[in-house]
Amino acid sequence: MTSQGHRITLEPASEPVRVVRAGHVVADSAHALLLHETGCRPRRYLPPQDVRTDLLTPSATRTYCPFKGTATYWSLPGHPDAVWAYEDPKPEVAAVKGHFCFYDEDEPGA
């Protein structure tokens, strides 16, 4: 997707992603999507079946991106608003629907 010099591309992540918080594996996925967006670092979006959603607490935080849509946030113990997802993304990034993205996820394969 390209708009006024802004570009977003999605591709399967080439390596597994593991997210660990306070010694607990919160997510472990070999099926992450890698999102590249102009002006942002690449982000990995993990399918819900690979995330310990029982450890997530819904947050009231919402943010809006004109290219992706409205993001809903969740917190982890000691990490407020640490996780987000686009539950109704723009059509151009529909593949990330319901996938979770973590701030400061561990290195791929960790």
Protein backbone atom coordinates (compact mmCIF):
# COMPACT_ATOMS: atom_id res chain seq x y z
CA MET A 1 0.00 0.00 0.00
CA THR A 2 1.33 3.45 -0.92
CA SER A 3 -0.22 6.83 -0.13
CA GLN A 4 1.49 10.22 -0.53
CA GLY A 5 4.96 8.73 -0.02
CA HIS A 6 3.79 6.51 2.84
CA ARG A 7 4.18 2.80 2.25
CA ILE A 8 3.12 -0.31 4.17
CA THR A 9 4.08 -3.83 3.16
CA LEU A 10 3.27 -7.14 4.83
CA GLU A 11 5.09 -10.43 4.52
CA PRO A 12 5.46 -13.61 6.54
CA ALA A 13 8.20 -13.20 9.15
CA SER A 14 11.25 -15.25 8.23
CA GLU A 15 12.02 -16.32 11.81
CA PRO A 16 9.95 -17.40 14.81
CA VAL A 17 9.03 -14.79 17.43
CA ARG A 18 8.98 -15.38 21.16
CA VAL A 19 7.85 -12.81 23.71
CA VAL A 20 8.91 -13.33 27.34
CA ARG A 21 7.81 -11.14 30.25
CA ALA A 22 8.73 -11.74 33.90
CA GLY A 23 10.05 -15.18 32.97
CA HIS A 24 6.79 -16.26 31.29
CA VAL A 25 6.44 -16.99 27.60
CA VAL A 26 3.59 -14.71 26.56
CA ALA A 27 3.74 -15.52 22.85
CA ASP A 28 5.57 -17.98 20.63
CA SER A 29 4.89 -18.01 16.92
CA ALA A 30 6.28 -19.35 13.68
CA HIS A 31 3.42 -17.64 11.81
CA ALA A 32 4.01 -13.94 12.49
CA LEU A 33 3.44 -11.27 9.88
CA LEU A 34 6.15 -8.65 9.40
CA LEU A 35 4.80 -5.16 8.74
CA HIS A 36 7.10 -2.53 7.21
CA GLU A 37 5.84 1.05 7.38
CA THR A 38 7.50 4.25 6.22
CA GLY A 39 9.11 6.03 9.18
CA CYS A 40 8.61 3.12 11.60
CA ARG A 41 10.68 0.11 12.55
CA PRO A 42 9.37 -3.25 11.30
CA ARG A 43 6.75 -4.79 13.57
CA ARG A 44 5.77 -8.42 13.99
CA TYR A 45 2.06 -9.24 14.30
CA LEU A 46 1.32 -12.62 15.89
CA PRO A 47 -1.82 -14.68 15.34
CA PRO A 48 -4.04 -14.96 18.44
CA GLN A 49 -3.61 -18.74 18.73
CA ASP A 50 0.12 -18.13 19.40
CA VAL A 51 -0.46 -15.59 22.21
CA ARG A 52 -1.28 -16.30 25.87
CA THR A 53 -4.36 -14.08 25.83
CA ASP A 54 -5.17 -15.23 29.37
CA LEU A 55 -2.27 -13.03 30.52
CA LEU A 56 -3.61 -9.91 28.76
CA THR A 57 -5.83 -7.36 30.48
CA PRO A 58 -7.93 -5.10 28.23
CA SER A 59 -7.00 -1.43 28.33
CA ALA A 60 -9.13 1.63 27.63
CA THR A 61 -6.39 2.95 25.32
CA ARG A 62 -7.17 3.34 21.64
CA THR A 63 -5.03 4.96 18.97
CA TYR A 64 -5.82 5.79 15.37
CA CYS A 65 -3.55 5.39 12.37
CA PRO A 66 -4.86 6.79 9.07
CA PHE A 67 -3.16 3.90 7.25
CA LYS A 68 -4.07 0.95 9.50
CA GLY A 69 -7.15 2.00 11.48
CA THR A 70 -7.92 1.98 15.22
CA ALA A 71 -5.70 -0.06 17.53
CA THR A 72 -7.02 -1.63 20.74
CA TYR A 73 -4.54 -2.18 23.60
CA TRP A 74 -3.95 -4.71 26.36
CA SER A 75 -1.66 -4.68 29.36
CA LEU A 76 0.57 -7.33 30.87
CA PRO A 77 1.38 -7.39 34.60
CA GLY A 78 3.80 -4.49 35.11
CA HIS A 79 3.58 -3.46 31.44
CA PRO A 80 0.61 -1.17 30.71
CA ASP A 81 -0.52 -0.92 27.09
CA ALA A 82 2.19 -3.38 26.04
CA VAL A 83 0.19 -5.11 23.31
CA TRP A 84 -2.07 -3.88 20.54
CA ALA A 85 -4.16 -5.22 17.68
CA TYR A 86 -6.28 -3.89 14.85
CA GLU A 87 -9.65 -5.56 15.21
CA ASP A 88 -11.08 -3.80 12.16
CA PRO A 89 -8.07 -2.71 10.09
CA LYS A 90 -8.11 -0.78 6.83
CA PRO A 91 -8.60 -3.10 3.82
CA GLU A 92 -4.99 -2.63 2.69
CA VAL A 93 -3.71 -4.29 5.89
CA ALA A 94 -6.60 -6.70 6.48
CA ALA A 95 -4.17 -9.58 7.04
CA VAL A 96 -3.22 -8.20 10.49
CA LYS A 97 -6.82 -8.34 11.73
CA GLY A 98 -6.83 -9.71 15.28
CA HIS A 99 -3.06 -10.29 15.28
CA PHE A 100 -1.19 -9.03 18.34
CA CYS A 101 1.85 -6.78 18.28
CA PHE A 102 4.09 -6.28 21.31
CA TYR A 103 6.22 -3.30 22.27
CA ASP A 104 9.82 -4.43 22.55
CA GLU A 105 9.31 -8.06 21.64
CA ASP A 106 12.36 -10.26 22.09
CA GLU A 107 14.61 -11.03 19.18
CA PRO A 108 13.25 -13.53 16.63
CA GLY A 109 13.80 -17.10 17.69
CA ALA A 110 14.70 -16.14 21.27
